[in-house]
Each structure stands twice: as C-alpha cells, then as structure tokens.
Amino acid sequence: MSEPSIFTRILQGEIPAEIVAETENAFAIRDIAPQAPVHLLVIPKTAQYRNVVELAAGDPELLTEVIGLANSVAAEHADGDFRLIFNTGEGAGQTVFHVHAHVLAGGLNEKSLGG
C-alpha cells in the first residue's frame, strides 16, 4: 500500500495547514509556494483519484463539488475572477498524485499563463 498523500495527512491533522473552506467531500487550503497573489488548493477528501481525468470519469458529482468550492473560495478571497488549474501528469507539473485544483487570482493576465 502506498504512503498517504500530503493532502490526506493534512486532512488527518498530521501536517499543519490553514483550511480556508470545507464541504462534506472537499477542502481548500493556501498553497505553501504561491504562484499568484491568491493561490489556494481545492482538494477532494478522498485520495481515490490521482488526477482530474480520473475524477471526471469516476465521480463527476465530486468534480462539480470541487469546482463549486473553488468558485466559493475565489469569491471570498479574491474578487470572484480566478484561474482554475488541474495539473495532470509529471510533464504538466503535477507533483502530488491526489487530484487537486489550483485557484489563482489577483492581477493575472493572459501573458501570465507560461513560465
């Protein structure tokens, strides 16, 4: 059996993090290495899905809940305008293989898409 993801360990209280919002099946935290003025992560409480493709195929209702929570935290922590990013695979920058969405906001523009 594999080790629990950092997100599972946060949810279990083993690793400290500021949970800024929570629903029955998902939670949101501040990213520890923010890439924008507002950078939050929205994470399903289940570690069953490694990426958004698996989540969409396996539990579209949970994906809807994740996106709804992303919208709520963007409304609360930014002006409601936000970028929602799911990295899928190492080549796309995914480093934690427990599906999660990045909510980025605050002074972004189209030119801030690339690195």
Protein backbone atom coordinates (compact mmCIF):
# COMPACT_ATOMS: atom_id res chain seq x y z
CA MET A 1 0.00 0.00 0.00
CA SER A 2 1.31 3.46 -0.83
CA GLU A 3 2.01 6.24 1.61
CA PRO A 4 -0.84 8.70 2.28
CA SER A 5 -0.55 11.87 0.20
CA ILE A 6 0.40 15.14 1.84
CA PHE A 7 -3.24 16.21 1.40
CA THR A 8 -4.52 13.15 3.25
CA ARG A 9 -2.01 13.85 6.01
CA ILE A 10 -3.18 17.48 6.21
CA LEU A 11 -6.80 16.37 6.43
CA GLN A 12 -5.90 13.90 9.18
CA GLY A 13 -4.14 16.66 11.15
CA GLU A 14 -0.65 15.17 10.78
CA ILE A 15 0.66 18.18 8.83
CA PRO A 16 -0.46 21.70 9.71
CA ALA A 17 -2.25 23.78 7.09
CA GLU A 18 -4.78 26.57 7.08
CA ILE A 19 -8.05 25.11 5.87
CA VAL A 20 -9.88 28.14 4.47
CA ALA A 21 -13.09 26.32 3.45
CA GLU A 22 -14.59 22.87 3.59
CA THR A 23 -17.55 20.91 2.27
CA GLU A 24 -18.63 17.37 3.03
CA ASN A 25 -16.28 15.95 0.38
CA ALA A 26 -13.61 18.61 -0.29
CA PHE A 27 -11.49 21.21 1.42
CA ALA A 28 -9.42 24.25 0.46
CA ILE A 29 -6.03 25.36 1.77
CA ARG A 30 -3.48 28.05 0.98
CA ASP A 31 -0.64 26.87 -1.27
CA ILE A 32 2.69 26.87 0.60
CA ALA A 33 4.51 28.16 -2.50
CA PRO A 34 2.05 30.64 -4.03
CA GLN A 35 2.37 31.45 -7.72
CA ALA A 36 -0.12 34.36 -7.60
CA PRO A 37 -1.36 36.88 -5.01
CA VAL A 38 -4.18 34.41 -4.24
CA HIS A 39 -3.20 30.74 -4.60
CA LEU A 40 -5.47 28.20 -2.98
CA LEU A 41 -5.76 24.46 -3.47
CA VAL A 42 -9.12 22.69 -3.56
CA ILE A 43 -8.80 19.02 -2.75
CA PRO A 44 -11.26 16.12 -2.59
CA LYS A 45 -11.13 14.40 0.76
CA THR A 46 -10.78 11.04 -0.97
CA ALA A 47 -7.39 10.05 -2.34
CA GLN A 48 -9.07 7.65 -4.78
CA TYR A 49 -8.37 9.81 -7.85
CA ARG A 50 -4.85 10.71 -8.97
CA ASN A 51 -5.87 13.40 -11.47
CA VAL A 52 -8.84 15.32 -12.83
CA VAL A 53 -9.39 12.89 -15.71
CA GLU A 54 -9.84 10.01 -13.27
CA LEU A 55 -12.08 12.18 -11.08
CA ALA A 56 -14.29 13.25 -14.00
CA ALA A 57 -14.70 9.65 -15.15
CA GLY A 58 -15.17 8.18 -11.67
CA ASP A 59 -17.19 10.80 -9.80
CA PRO A 60 -18.49 13.76 -11.82
CA GLU A 61 -20.56 14.93 -8.85
CA LEU A 62 -17.41 15.25 -6.74
CA LEU A 63 -15.74 17.19 -9.56
CA THR A 64 -18.73 19.54 -9.56
CA GLU A 65 -18.37 19.96 -5.79
CA VAL A 66 -14.64 20.75 -6.16
CA ILE A 67 -15.37 23.38 -8.81
CA GLY A 68 -18.16 24.86 -6.69
CA LEU A 69 -15.81 25.13 -3.72
CA ALA A 70 -13.19 26.75 -5.97
CA ASN A 71 -15.77 29.33 -7.01
CA SER A 72 -16.71 30.00 -3.38
CA VAL A 73 -13.14 30.49 -2.18
CA ALA A 74 -12.39 32.75 -5.15
CA ALA A 75 -15.42 34.87 -4.25
CA GLU A 76 -14.28 35.05 -0.62
CA HIS A 77 -10.53 35.53 -1.09
CA ALA A 78 -10.41 37.44 -4.38
CA ASP A 79 -12.82 39.42 -6.50
CA GLY A 80 -14.52 36.32 -7.89
CA ASP A 81 -12.34 36.25 -11.02
CA PHE A 82 -9.97 33.32 -10.94
CA ARG A 83 -7.96 30.81 -12.91
CA LEU A 84 -8.64 27.14 -12.17
CA ILE A 85 -5.82 24.74 -13.00
CA PHE A 86 -5.60 20.97 -12.71
CA ASN A 87 -2.13 19.60 -13.47
CA THR A 88 -2.35 16.08 -14.90
CA GLY A 89 0.89 14.11 -15.01
CA GLU A 90 4.51 14.86 -14.21
CA GLY A 91 5.11 16.51 -17.58
CA ALA A 92 2.36 19.01 -16.75
CA GLY A 93 3.86 19.84 -13.36
CA GLN A 94 1.82 17.52 -11.13
CA THR A 95 3.88 16.64 -8.07
CA VAL A 96 1.18 15.31 -5.73
CA PHE A 97 -0.85 12.49 -7.25
CA HIS A 98 -4.01 13.17 -5.27
CA VAL A 99 -6.23 15.25 -7.56
CA HIS A 100 -6.39 18.92 -6.63
CA ALA A 101 -7.28 22.21 -8.26
CA HIS A 102 -5.20 25.37 -8.09
CA VAL A 103 -7.26 28.54 -7.68
CA LEU A 104 -5.17 31.52 -8.80
CA ALA A 105 -6.33 35.13 -8.65
CA GLY A 106 -5.13 38.68 -8.25
CA GLY A 107 -3.75 40.69 -11.13
CA LEU A 108 -3.40 37.83 -13.61
CA ASN A 109 -3.41 38.28 -17.36
CA GLU A 110 -3.08 36.07 -20.43
CA LYS A 111 0.70 36.59 -20.51
CA SER A 112 0.97 35.08 -17.03
CA LEU A 113 -0.02 31.65 -18.41
CA GLY A 114 3.50 30.47 -19.25
CA GLY A 115 6.52 30.12 -17.06
